[in-house]
Amino acid sequence: MLSGETAIGEFPVESVQTMSRIAQRADEAFDYERWAERVAQLRQIPEDEPSSTGSEGITDAMTLATWRAANELDLAALLCISGSVLLFDPWLGFDLTYQSWE
């Protein structure tokens, strides 16, 4: 979003500072508890569906466990090793750097 302004614009430092303030305010206002409840509701898979014990169920469990650990332990960093990039799906709201070791 800022690559053009920060690379060749007249106000690269101010641009990054502004985006930093916006991100900080958004993070402070975000309701993490409600978010976790909503994710659980959206991703709940009925027990009679075959996928409930498959990879989606595992990804869901890892996603919520990751959120809970980061939130409750106030972690600065958290390493998650998964065969699925679904754990880092943008709709989940995680602001994580994804590194693939494939």
PDB file of N, CA and C in Angstrom:
ATOM      1  N   MET A   1       0.812  -1.193   0.000  1.00  0.00           N
ATOM      2  CA  MET A   1       0.000   0.000   0.000  1.00  0.00           C
ATOM      3  C   MET A   1       0.857   1.260   0.000  1.00  0.00           C
ATOM      4  N   LEU A   2       1.972   1.213   0.669  1.00  0.00           N
ATOM      5  CA  LEU A   2       2.826   2.398   0.758  1.00  0.00           C
ATOM      6  C   LEU A   2       4.059   2.318  -0.123  1.00  0.00           C
ATOM      7  N   SER A   3       4.211   1.286  -0.900  1.00  0.00           N
ATOM      8  CA  SER A   3       5.477   1.097  -1.607  1.00  0.00           C
ATOM      9  C   SER A   3       5.846   2.270  -2.510  1.00  0.00           C
ATOM     10  N   GLY A   4       4.879   2.837  -3.217  1.00  0.00           N
ATOM     11  CA  GLY A   4       5.184   3.966  -4.093  1.00  0.00           C
ATOM     12  C   GLY A   4       5.606   5.197  -3.315  1.00  0.00           C
ATOM     13  N   GLU A   5       4.891   5.531  -2.276  1.00  0.00           N
ATOM     14  CA  GLU A   5       5.202   6.728  -1.494  1.00  0.00           C
ATOM     15  C   GLU A   5       6.506   6.560  -0.724  1.00  0.00           C
ATOM     16  N   THR A   6       6.723   5.401  -0.143  1.00  0.00           N
ATOM     17  CA  THR A   6       7.935   5.227   0.653  1.00  0.00           C
ATOM     18  C   THR A   6       9.172   5.077  -0.213  1.00  0.00           C
ATOM     19  N   ALA A   7       9.002   4.603  -1.447  1.00  0.00           N
ATOM     20  CA  ALA A   7      10.163   4.408  -2.321  1.00  0.00           C
ATOM     21  C   ALA A   7      10.555   5.674  -3.067  1.00  0.00           C
ATOM     22  N   ILE A   8       9.568   6.416  -3.599  1.00  0.00           N
ATOM     23  CA  ILE A   8       9.906   7.576  -4.436  1.00  0.00           C
ATOM     24  C   ILE A   8       9.124   8.836  -4.081  1.00  0.00           C
ATOM     25  N   GLY A   9       8.284   8.765  -3.078  1.00  0.00           N
ATOM     26  CA  GLY A   9       7.455   9.915  -2.725  1.00  0.00           C
ATOM     27  C   GLY A   9       8.210  10.986  -1.967  1.00  0.00           C
ATOM     28  N   GLU A  10       7.532  12.106  -1.765  1.00  0.00           N
ATOM     29  CA  GLU A  10       8.147  13.233  -1.058  1.00  0.00           C
ATOM     30  C   GLU A  10       8.117  13.064   0.460  1.00  0.00           C
ATOM     31  N   PHE A  11       7.218  12.216   0.960  1.00  0.00           N
ATOM     32  CA  PHE A  11       7.035  12.094   2.405  1.00  0.00           C
ATOM     33  C   PHE A  11       7.070  10.631   2.863  1.00  0.00           C
ATOM     34  N   PRO A  12       8.165   9.932   2.627  1.00  0.00           N
ATOM     35  CA  PRO A  12       8.194   8.509   2.988  1.00  0.00           C
ATOM     36  C   PRO A  12       8.095   8.264   4.496  1.00  0.00           C
ATOM     37  N   VAL A  13       8.799   9.046   5.286  1.00  0.00           N
ATOM     38  CA  VAL A  13       8.781   8.854   6.737  1.00  0.00           C
ATOM     39  C   VAL A  13       7.403   9.161   7.299  1.00  0.00           C
ATOM     40  N   GLU A  14       6.809  10.251   6.870  1.00  0.00           N
ATOM     41  CA  GLU A  14       5.483  10.637   7.348  1.00  0.00           C
ATOM     42  C   GLU A  14       4.431   9.601   6.950  1.00  0.00           C
ATOM     43  N   SER A  15       4.581   9.032   5.765  1.00  0.00           N
ATOM     44  CA  SER A  15       3.637   8.009   5.306  1.00  0.00           C
ATOM     45  C   SER A  15       3.670   6.786   6.212  1.00  0.00           C
ATOM     46  N   VAL A  16       4.864   6.334   6.526  1.00  0.00           N
ATOM     47  CA  VAL A  16       5.003   5.165   7.391  1.00  0.00           C
ATOM     48  C   VAL A  16       4.517   5.486   8.802  1.00  0.00           C
ATOM     49  N   GLN A  17       4.814   6.677   9.304  1.00  0.00           N
ATOM     50  CA  GLN A  17       4.346   7.068  10.636  1.00  0.00           C
ATOM     51  C   GLN A  17       2.820   7.099  10.693  1.00  0.00           C
ATOM     52  N   THR A  18       2.193   7.623   9.657  1.00  0.00           N
ATOM     53  CA  THR A  18       0.732   7.688   9.607  1.00  0.00           C
ATOM     54  C   THR A  18       0.132   6.288   9.601  1.00  0.00           C
ATOM     55  N   MET A  19       0.662   5.418   8.760  1.00  0.00           N
ATOM     56  CA  MET A  19       0.149   4.049   8.711  1.00  0.00           C
ATOM     57  C   MET A  19       0.382   3.328  10.035  1.00  0.00           C
ATOM     58  N   SER A  20       1.481   3.619  10.692  1.00  0.00           N
ATOM     59  CA  SER A  20       1.764   3.013  11.987  1.00  0.00           C
ATOM     60  C   SER A  20       0.725   3.438  13.024  1.00  0.00           C
ATOM     61  N   ARG A  21       0.384   4.735  13.025  1.00  0.00           N
ATOM     62  CA  ARG A  21      -0.638   5.229  13.961  1.00  0.00           C
ATOM     63  C   ARG A  21      -1.996   4.581  13.681  1.00  0.00           C
ATOM     64  N   ILE A  22      -2.343   4.457  12.409  1.00  0.00           N
ATOM     65  CA  ILE A  22      -3.619   3.837  12.039  1.00  0.00           C
ATOM     66  C   ILE A  22      -3.646   2.380  12.502  1.00  0.00           C
ATOM     67  N   ALA A  23      -2.568   1.656  12.259  1.00  0.00           N
ATOM     68  CA  ALA A  23      -2.505   0.248  12.653  1.00  0.00           C
ATOM     69  C   ALA A  23      -2.577   0.099  14.168  1.00  0.00           C
ATOM     70  N   GLN A  24      -1.909   0.992  14.887  1.00  0.00           N
ATOM     71  CA  GLN A  24      -1.921   0.925  16.347  1.00  0.00           C
ATOM     72  C   GLN A  24      -3.323   1.183  16.888  1.00  0.00           C
ATOM     73  N   ARG A  25      -4.005   2.184  16.363  1.00  0.00           N
ATOM     74  CA  ARG A  25      -5.372   2.477  16.805  1.00  0.00           C
ATOM     75  C   ARG A  25      -6.317   1.326  16.491  1.00  0.00           C
ATOM     76  N   ALA A  26      -6.173   0.758  15.306  1.00  0.00           N
ATOM     77  CA  ALA A  26      -7.024  -0.376  14.925  1.00  0.00           C
ATOM     78  C   ALA A  26      -6.780  -1.559  15.855  1.00  0.00           C
ATOM     79  N   ASP A  27      -5.527  -1.803  16.185  1.00  0.00           N
ATOM     80  CA  ASP A  27      -5.195  -2.908  17.075  1.00  0.00           C
ATOM     81  C   ASP A  27      -5.759  -2.683  18.472  1.00  0.00           C
ATOM     82  N   GLU A  28      -5.688  -1.451  18.964  1.00  0.00           N
ATOM     83  CA  GLU A  28      -6.212  -1.132  20.293  1.00  0.00           C
ATOM     84  C   GLU A  28      -7.729  -1.263  20.353  1.00  0.00           C
ATOM     85  N   ALA A  29      -8.407  -0.951  19.257  1.00  0.00           N
ATOM     86  CA  ALA A  29      -9.868  -0.979  19.235  1.00  0.00           C
ATOM     87  C   ALA A  29     -10.437  -2.363  18.919  1.00  0.00           C
ATOM     88  N   PHE A  30      -9.607  -3.269  18.458  1.00  0.00           N
ATOM     89  CA  PHE A  30     -10.084  -4.580  18.031  1.00  0.00           C
ATOM     90  C   PHE A  30     -10.553  -5.406  19.222  1.00  0.00           C
ATOM     91  N   ASP A  31     -11.712  -6.016  19.103  1.00  0.00           N
ATOM     92  CA  ASP A  31     -12.284  -6.848  20.162  1.00  0.00           C
ATOM     93  C   ASP A  31     -11.863  -8.299  19.924  1.00  0.00           C
ATOM     94  N   TYR A  32     -10.760  -8.700  20.529  1.00  0.00           N
ATOM     95  CA  TYR A  32     -10.202 -10.025  20.293  1.00  0.00           C
ATOM     96  C   TYR A  32     -11.110 -11.140  20.804  1.00  0.00           C
ATOM     97  N   GLU A  33     -11.754 -10.932  21.937  1.00  0.00           N
ATOM     98  CA  GLU A  33     -12.648 -11.964  22.472  1.00  0.00           C
ATOM     99  C   GLU A  33     -13.818 -12.210  21.530  1.00  0.00           C
ATOM    100  N   ARG A  34     -14.431 -11.148  21.056  1.00  0.00           N
ATOM    101  CA  ARG A  34     -15.563 -11.288  20.138  1.00  0.00           C
ATOM    102  C   ARG A  34     -15.111 -11.913  18.821  1.00  0.00           C
ATOM    103  N   TRP A  35     -13.922 -11.543  18.378  1.00  0.00           N
ATOM    104  CA  TRP A  35     -13.387 -12.116  17.145  1.00  0.00           C
ATOM    105  C   TRP A  35     -13.258 -13.628  17.265  1.00  0.00           C
ATOM    106  N   ALA A  36     -12.711 -14.110  18.374  1.00  0.00           N
ATOM    107  CA  ALA A  36     -12.528 -15.551  18.558  1.00  0.00           C
ATOM    108  C   ALA A  36     -13.871 -16.273  18.573  1.00  0.00           C
ATOM    109  N   GLU A  37     -14.854 -15.674  19.233  1.00  0.00           N
ATOM    110  CA  GLU A  37     -16.189 -16.271  19.256  1.00  0.00           C
ATOM    111  C   GLU A  37     -16.779 -16.330  17.853  1.00  0.00           C
ATOM    112  N   ARG A  38     -16.591 -15.270  17.094  1.00  0.00           N
ATOM    113  CA  ARG A  38     -17.141 -15.215  15.730  1.00  0.00           C
ATOM    114  C   ARG A  38     -16.460 -16.234  14.814  1.00  0.00           C
ATOM    115  N   VAL A  39     -15.155 -16.375  14.927  1.00  0.00           N
ATOM    116  CA  VAL A  39     -14.444 -17.373  14.125  1.00  0.00           C
ATOM    117  C   VAL A  39     -14.959 -18.765  14.458  1.00  0.00           C
ATOM    118  N   ALA A  40     -15.138 -19.035  15.739  1.00  0.00           N
ATOM    119  CA  ALA A  40     -15.645 -20.347  16.144  1.00  0.00           C
ATOM    120  C   ALA A  40     -17.029 -20.598  15.554  1.00  0.00           C
ATOM    121  N   GLN A  41     -17.885 -19.579  15.548  1.00  0.00           N
ATOM    122  CA  GLN A  41     -19.223 -19.725  14.967  1.00  0.00           C
ATOM    123  C   GLN A  41     -19.148 -19.971  13.466  1.00  0.00           C
ATOM    124  N   LEU A  42     -18.342 -19.190  12.776  1.00  0.00           N
ATOM    125  CA  LEU A  42     -18.246 -19.304  11.324  1.00  0.00           C
ATOM    126  C   LEU A  42     -17.665 -20.633  10.871  1.00  0.00           C
ATOM    127  N   ARG A  43     -16.725 -21.139  11.625  1.00  0.00           N
ATOM    128  CA  ARG A  43     -15.999 -22.333  11.197  1.00  0.00           C
ATOM    129  C   ARG A  43     -16.518 -23.614  11.828  1.00  0.00           C
ATOM    130  N   GLN A  44     -17.581 -23.545  12.595  1.00  0.00           N
ATOM    131  CA  GLN A  44     -18.095 -24.743  13.242  1.00  0.00           C
ATOM    132  C   GLN A  44     -18.605 -25.712  12.181  1.00  0.00           C
ATOM    133  N   ILE A  45     -18.088 -26.931  12.217  1.00  0.00           N
ATOM    134  CA  ILE A  45     -18.444 -27.952  11.247  1.00  0.00           C
ATOM    135  C   ILE A  45     -19.284 -29.003  11.965  1.00  0.00           C
ATOM    136  N   PRO A  46     -20.470 -29.316  11.446  1.00  0.00           N
ATOM    137  CA  PRO A  46     -21.300 -30.344  12.087  1.00  0.00           C
ATOM    138  C   PRO A  46     -20.554 -31.671  12.218  1.00  0.00           C
ATOM    139  N   GLU A  47     -20.808 -32.368  13.328  1.00  0.00           N
ATOM    140  CA  GLU A  47     -20.095 -33.613  13.598  1.00  0.00           C
ATOM    141  C   GLU A  47     -20.338 -34.686  12.548  1.00  0.00           C
ATOM    142  N   ASP A  48     -21.501 -34.655  11.886  1.00  0.00           N
ATOM    143  CA  ASP A  48     -21.809 -35.699  10.909  1.00  0.00           C
ATOM    144  C   ASP A  48     -21.139 -35.466   9.550  1.00  0.00           C
ATOM    145  N   GLU A  49     -20.461 -34.342   9.369  1.00  0.00           N
ATOM    146  CA  GLU A  49     -19.750 -34.077   8.118  1.00  0.00           C
ATOM    147  C   GLU A  49     -18.350 -34.672   8.197  1.00  0.00           C
ATOM    148  N   PRO A  50     -17.918 -35.348   7.128  1.00  0.00           N
ATOM    149  CA  PRO A  50     -16.596 -35.985   7.133  1.00  0.00           C
ATOM    150  C   PRO A  50     -15.445 -35.018   7.383  1.00  0.00           C
ATOM    151  N   SER A  51     -15.566 -33.769   6.935  1.00  0.00           N
ATOM    152  CA  SER A  51     -14.461 -32.818   7.074  1.00  0.00           C
ATOM    153  C   SER A  51     -14.235 -32.367   8.508  1.00  0.00           C
ATOM    154  N   SER A  52     -15.175 -32.705   9.413  1.00  0.00           N
ATOM    155  CA  SER A  52     -15.026 -32.243  10.790  1.00  0.00           C
ATOM    156  C   SER A  52     -13.820 -32.876  11.481  1.00  0.00           C
ATOM    157  N   THR A  53     -13.372 -34.014  10.991  1.00  0.00           N
ATOM    158  CA  THR A  53     -12.186 -34.638  11.582  1.00  0.00           C
ATOM    159  C   THR A  53     -10.991 -34.563  10.643  1.00  0.00           C
ATOM    160  N   GLY A  54     -11.163 -33.917   9.511  1.00  0.00           N
ATOM    161  CA  GLY A  54     -10.090 -33.818   8.527  1.00  0.00           C
ATOM    162  C   GLY A  54      -9.225 -32.604   8.747  1.00  0.00           C
ATOM    163  N   SER A  55      -8.583 -32.158   7.683  1.00  0.00           N
ATOM    164  CA  SER A  55      -7.622 -31.063   7.797  1.00  0.00           C
ATOM    165  C   SER A  55      -8.264 -29.746   8.212  1.00  0.00           C
ATOM    166  N   GLU A  56      -9.526 -29.504   7.833  1.00  0.00           N
ATOM    167  CA  GLU A  56     -10.177 -28.256   8.252  1.00  0.00           C
ATOM    168  C   GLU A  56     -10.310 -28.197   9.768  1.00  0.00           C
ATOM    169  N   GLY A  57     -10.666 -29.305  10.381  1.00  0.00           N
ATOM    170  CA  GLY A  57     -10.787 -29.351  11.833  1.00  0.00           C
ATOM    171  C   GLY A  57      -9.460 -29.099  12.519  1.00  0.00           C
ATOM    172  N   ILE A  58      -8.403 -29.667  11.965  1.00  0.00           N
ATOM    173  CA  ILE A  58      -7.064 -29.466  12.521  1.00  0.00           C
ATOM    174  C   ILE A  58      -6.644 -28.010  12.370  1.00  0.00           C
ATOM    175  N   THR A  59      -6.887 -27.440  11.194  1.00  0.00           N
ATOM    176  CA  THR A  59      -6.543 -26.038  10.958  1.00  0.00           C
ATOM    177  C   THR A  59      -7.315 -25.129  11.901  1.00  0.00           C
ATOM    178  N   ASP A  60      -8.604 -25.408  12.080  1.00  0.00           N
ATOM    179  CA  ASP A  60      -9.409 -24.606  13.004  1.00  0.00           C
ATOM    180  C   ASP A  60      -8.849 -24.673  14.414  1.00  0.00           C
ATOM    181  N   ALA A  61      -8.522 -25.869  14.866  1.00  0.00           N
ATOM    182  CA  ALA A  61      -7.991 -26.039  16.218  1.00  0.00           C
ATOM    183  C   ALA A  61      -6.665 -25.304  16.377  1.00  0.00           C
ATOM    184  N   MET A  62      -5.791 -25.405  15.373  1.00  0.00           N
ATOM    185  CA  MET A  62      -4.499 -24.712  15.442  1.00  0.00           C
ATOM    186  C   MET A  62      -4.678 -23.201  15.416  1.00  0.00           C
ATOM    187  N   THR A  63      -5.614 -22.734  14.604  1.00  0.00           N
ATOM    188  CA  THR A  63      -5.858 -21.297  14.503  1.00  0.00           C
ATOM    189  C   THR A  63      -6.314 -20.731  15.839  1.00  0.00           C
ATOM    190  N   LEU A  64      -7.302 -21.361  16.436  1.00  0.00           N
ATOM    191  CA  LEU A  64      -7.818 -20.855  17.709  1.00  0.00           C
ATOM    192  C   LEU A  64      -6.803 -21.019  18.834  1.00  0.00           C
ATOM    193  N   ALA A  65      -6.042 -22.111  18.829  1.00  0.00           N
ATOM    194  CA  ALA A  65      -5.012 -22.295  19.855  1.00  0.00           C
ATOM    195  C   ALA A  65      -3.907 -21.251  19.716  1.00  0.00           C
ATOM    196  N   THR A  66      -3.556 -20.931  18.486  1.00  0.00           N
ATOM    197  CA  THR A  66      -2.541 -19.904  18.234  1.00  0.00           C
ATOM    198  C   THR A  66      -3.011 -18.555  18.745  1.00  0.00           C
ATOM    199  N   TRP A  67      -4.254 -18.210  18.411  1.00  0.00           N
ATOM    200  CA  TRP A  67      -4.805 -16.946  18.892  1.00  0.00           C
ATOM    201  C   TRP A  67      -4.813 -16.909  20.412  1.00  0.00           C
ATOM    202  N   ARG A  68      -5.272 -17.997  21.030  1.00  0.00           N
ATOM    203  CA  ARG A  68      -5.384 -18.012  22.488  1.00  0.00           C
ATOM    204  C   ARG A  68      -4.009 -17.863  23.153  1.00  0.00           C
ATOM    205  N   ALA A  69      -3.020 -18.574  22.654  1.00  0.00           N
ATOM    206  CA  ALA A  69      -1.672 -18.476  23.226  1.00  0.00           C
ATOM    207  C   ALA A  69      -1.120 -17.063  23.087  1.00  0.00           C
ATOM    208  N   ALA A  70      -1.253 -16.493  21.900  1.00  0.00           N
ATOM    209  CA  ALA A  70      -0.734 -15.140  21.671  1.00  0.00           C
ATOM    210  C   ALA A  70      -1.446 -14.122  22.546  1.00  0.00           C
ATOM    211  N   ASN A  71      -2.754 -14.266  22.690  1.00  0.00           N
ATOM    212  CA  ASN A  71      -3.549 -13.313  23.455  1.00  0.00           C
ATOM    213  C   ASN A  71      -3.315 -13.453  24.959  1.00  0.00           C
ATOM    214  N   GLU A  72      -3.385 -14.657  25.474  1.00  0.00           N
ATOM    215  CA  GLU A  72      -3.287 -14.866  26.921  1.00  0.00           C
ATOM    216  C   GLU A  72      -1.869 -14.702  27.457  1.00  0.00           C
ATOM    217  N   LEU A  73      -0.880 -15.033  26.651  1.00  0.00           N
ATOM    218  CA  LEU A  73       0.502 -14.945  27.110  1.00  0.00           C
ATOM    219  C   LEU A  73       1.181 -13.644  26.710  1.00  0.00           C
ATOM    220  N   ASP A  74       0.452 -12.785  25.990  1.00  0.00           N
ATOM    221  CA  ASP A  74       0.982 -11.501  25.539  1.00  0.00           C
ATOM    222  C   ASP A  74       2.337 -11.681  24.845  1.00  0.00           C
ATOM    223  N   LEU A  75       2.349 -12.581  23.870  1.00  0.00           N
ATOM    224  CA  LEU A  75       3.585 -12.924  23.175  1.00  0.00           C
ATOM    225  C   LEU A  75       3.982 -11.863  22.161  1.00  0.00           C
ATOM    226  N   ALA A  76       5.268 -11.648  22.040  1.00  0.00           N
ATOM    227  CA  ALA A  76       5.787 -10.746  21.012  1.00  0.00           C
ATOM    228  C   ALA A  76       5.952 -11.487  19.697  1.00  0.00           C
ATOM    229  N   ALA A  77       6.179 -12.792  19.771  1.00  0.00           N
ATOM    230  CA  ALA A  77       6.341 -13.608  18.564  1.00  0.00           C
ATOM    231  C   ALA A  77       5.855 -15.017  18.864  1.00  0.00           C
ATOM    232  N   LEU A  78       5.411 -15.687  17.820  1.00  0.00           N
ATOM    233  CA  LEU A  78       4.910 -17.050  17.967  1.00  0.00           C
ATOM    234  C   LEU A  78       5.211 -17.803  16.681  1.00  0.00           C
ATOM    235  N   LEU A  79       5.843 -18.942  16.789  1.00  0.00           N
ATOM    236  CA  LEU A  79       6.182 -19.752  15.625  1.00  0.00           C
ATOM    237  C   LEU A  79       5.164 -20.871  15.497  1.00  0.00           C
ATOM    238  N   CYS A  80       4.508 -20.941  14.345  1.00  0.00           N
ATOM    239  CA  CYS A  80       3.530 -21.992  14.068  1.00  0.00           C
ATOM    240  C   CYS A  80       4.011 -22.777  12.862  1.00  0.00           C
ATOM    241  N   ILE A  81       4.147 -24.070  13.039  1.00  0.00           N
ATOM    242  CA  ILE A  81       4.567 -24.915  11.931  1.00  0.00           C
ATOM    243  C   ILE A  81       3.356 -25.718  11.491  1.00  0.00           C
ATOM    244  N   SER A  82       2.969 -25.522  10.247  1.00  0.00           N
ATOM    245  CA  SER A  82       1.767 -26.164   9.721  1.00  0.00           C
ATOM    246  C   SER A  82       1.968 -26.482   8.250  1.00  0.00           C
ATOM    247  N   GLY A  83       1.356 -27.545   7.812  1.00  0.00           N
ATOM    248  CA  GLY A  83       1.380 -27.883   6.396  1.00  0.00           C
ATOM    249  C   GLY A  83       0.368 -27.089   5.609  1.00  0.00           C
ATOM    250  N   SER A  84      -0.447 -26.310   6.299  1.00  0.00           N
ATOM    251  CA  SER A  84      -1.514 -25.552   5.658  1.00  0.00           C
ATOM    252  C   SER A  84      -1.321 -24.065   5.881  1.00  0.00           C
ATOM    253  N   VAL A  85      -1.406 -23.292   4.801  1.00  0.00           N
ATOM    254  CA  VAL A  85      -1.331 -21.839   4.951  1.00  0.00           C
ATOM    255  C   VAL A  85      -2.678 -21.267   5.359  1.00  0.00           C
ATOM    256  N   LEU A  86      -3.700 -22.113   5.477  1.00  0.00           N
ATOM    257  CA  LEU A  86      -5.013 -21.633   5.902  1.00  0.00           C
ATOM    258  C   LEU A  86      -4.957 -21.016   7.290  1.00  0.00           C
ATOM    259  N   LEU A  87      -3.993 -21.435   8.082  1.00  0.00           N
ATOM    260  CA  LEU A  87      -3.817 -20.877   9.419  1.00  0.00           C
ATOM    261  C   LEU A  87      -3.579 -19.379   9.360  1.00  0.00           C
ATOM    262  N   PHE A  88      -3.016 -18.905   8.256  1.00  0.00           N
ATOM    263  CA  PHE A  88      -2.668 -17.506   8.107  1.00  0.00           C
ATOM    264  C   PHE A  88      -3.606 -16.783   7.158  1.00  0.00           C
ATOM    265  N   ASP A  89      -4.785 -17.326   6.952  1.00  0.00           N
ATOM    266  CA  ASP A  89      -5.759 -16.739   6.039  1.00  0.00           C
ATOM    267  C   ASP A  89      -6.083 -15.310   6.478  1.00  0.00           C
ATOM    268  N   PRO A  90      -6.011 -14.322   5.582  1.00  0.00           N
ATOM    269  CA  PRO A  90      -6.236 -12.927   5.957  1.00  0.00           C
ATOM    270  C   PRO A  90      -7.588 -12.666   6.611  1.00  0.00           C
ATOM    271  N   TRP A  91      -8.622 -13.428   6.264  1.00  0.00           N
ATOM    272  CA  TRP A  91      -9.939 -13.155   6.856  1.00  0.00           C
ATOM    273  C   TRP A  91      -9.955 -13.426   8.340  1.00  0.00           C
ATOM    274  N   LEU A  92      -8.969 -14.175   8.846  1.00  0.00           N
ATOM    275  CA  LEU A  92      -8.913 -14.449  10.271  1.00  0.00           C
ATOM    276  C   LEU A  92      -8.393 -13.263  11.070  1.00  0.00           C
ATOM    277  N   GLY A  93      -7.778 -12.314  10.398  1.00  0.00           N
ATOM    278  CA  GLY A  93      -7.336 -11.103  11.075  1.00  0.00           C
ATOM    279  C   GLY A  93      -5.952 -11.174  11.675  1.00  0.00           C
ATOM    280  N   PHE A  94      -5.231 -12.244  11.426  1.00  0.00           N
ATOM    281  CA  PHE A  94      -3.884 -12.320  11.955  1.00  0.00           C
ATOM    282  C   PHE A  94      -2.963 -11.395  11.191  1.00  0.00           C
ATOM    283  N   ASP A  95      -2.111 -10.692  11.909  1.00  0.00           N
ATOM    284  CA  ASP A  95      -1.079  -9.875  11.282  1.00  0.00           C
ATOM    285  C   ASP A  95       0.241 -10.602  11.515  1.00  0.00           C
ATOM    286  N   LEU A  96       0.451 -11.677  10.759  1.00  0.00           N
ATOM    287  CA  LEU A  96       1.620 -12.508  10.948  1.00  0.00           C
ATOM    288  C   LEU A  96       2.449 -12.544   9.676  1.00  0.00           C
ATOM    289  N   THR A  97       3.723 -12.700   9.839  1.00  0.00           N
ATOM    290  CA  THR A  97       4.593 -12.891   8.691  1.00  0.00           C
ATOM    291  C   THR A  97       4.659 -14.382   8.415  1.00  0.00           C
ATOM    292  N   TYR A  98       4.361 -14.767   7.194  1.00  0.00           N
ATOM    293  CA  TYR A  98       4.357 -16.174   6.824  1.00  0.00           C
ATOM    294  C   TYR A  98       5.666 -16.527   6.148  1.00  0.00           C
ATOM    295  N   GLN A  99       6.303 -17.555   6.638  1.00  0.00           N
ATOM    296  CA  GLN A  99       7.554 -18.022   6.051  1.00  0.00           C
ATOM    297  C   GLN A  99       7.390 -19.488   5.688  1.00  0.00           C
ATOM    298  N   SER A 100       7.559 -19.821   4.428  1.00  0.00           N
ATOM    299  CA  SER A 100       7.459 -21.207   3.983  1.00  0.00           C
ATOM    300  C   SER A 100       8.847 -21.816   3.897  1.00  0.00           C
ATOM    301  N   TRP A 101       8.988 -23.017   4.438  1.00  0.00           N
ATOM    302  CA  TRP A 101      10.270 -23.709   4.388  1.00  0.00           C
ATOM    303  C   TRP A 101      10.252 -24.843   3.382  1.00  0.00           C
ATOM    304  N   GLU A 102       9.353 -24.781   2.414  1.00  0.00           N
ATOM    305  CA  GLU A 102       9.256 -25.842   1.406  1.00  0.00           C
ATOM    306  C   GLU A 102      10.400 -25.755   0.429  1.00  0.00           C
TER     307      GLU A 102
END
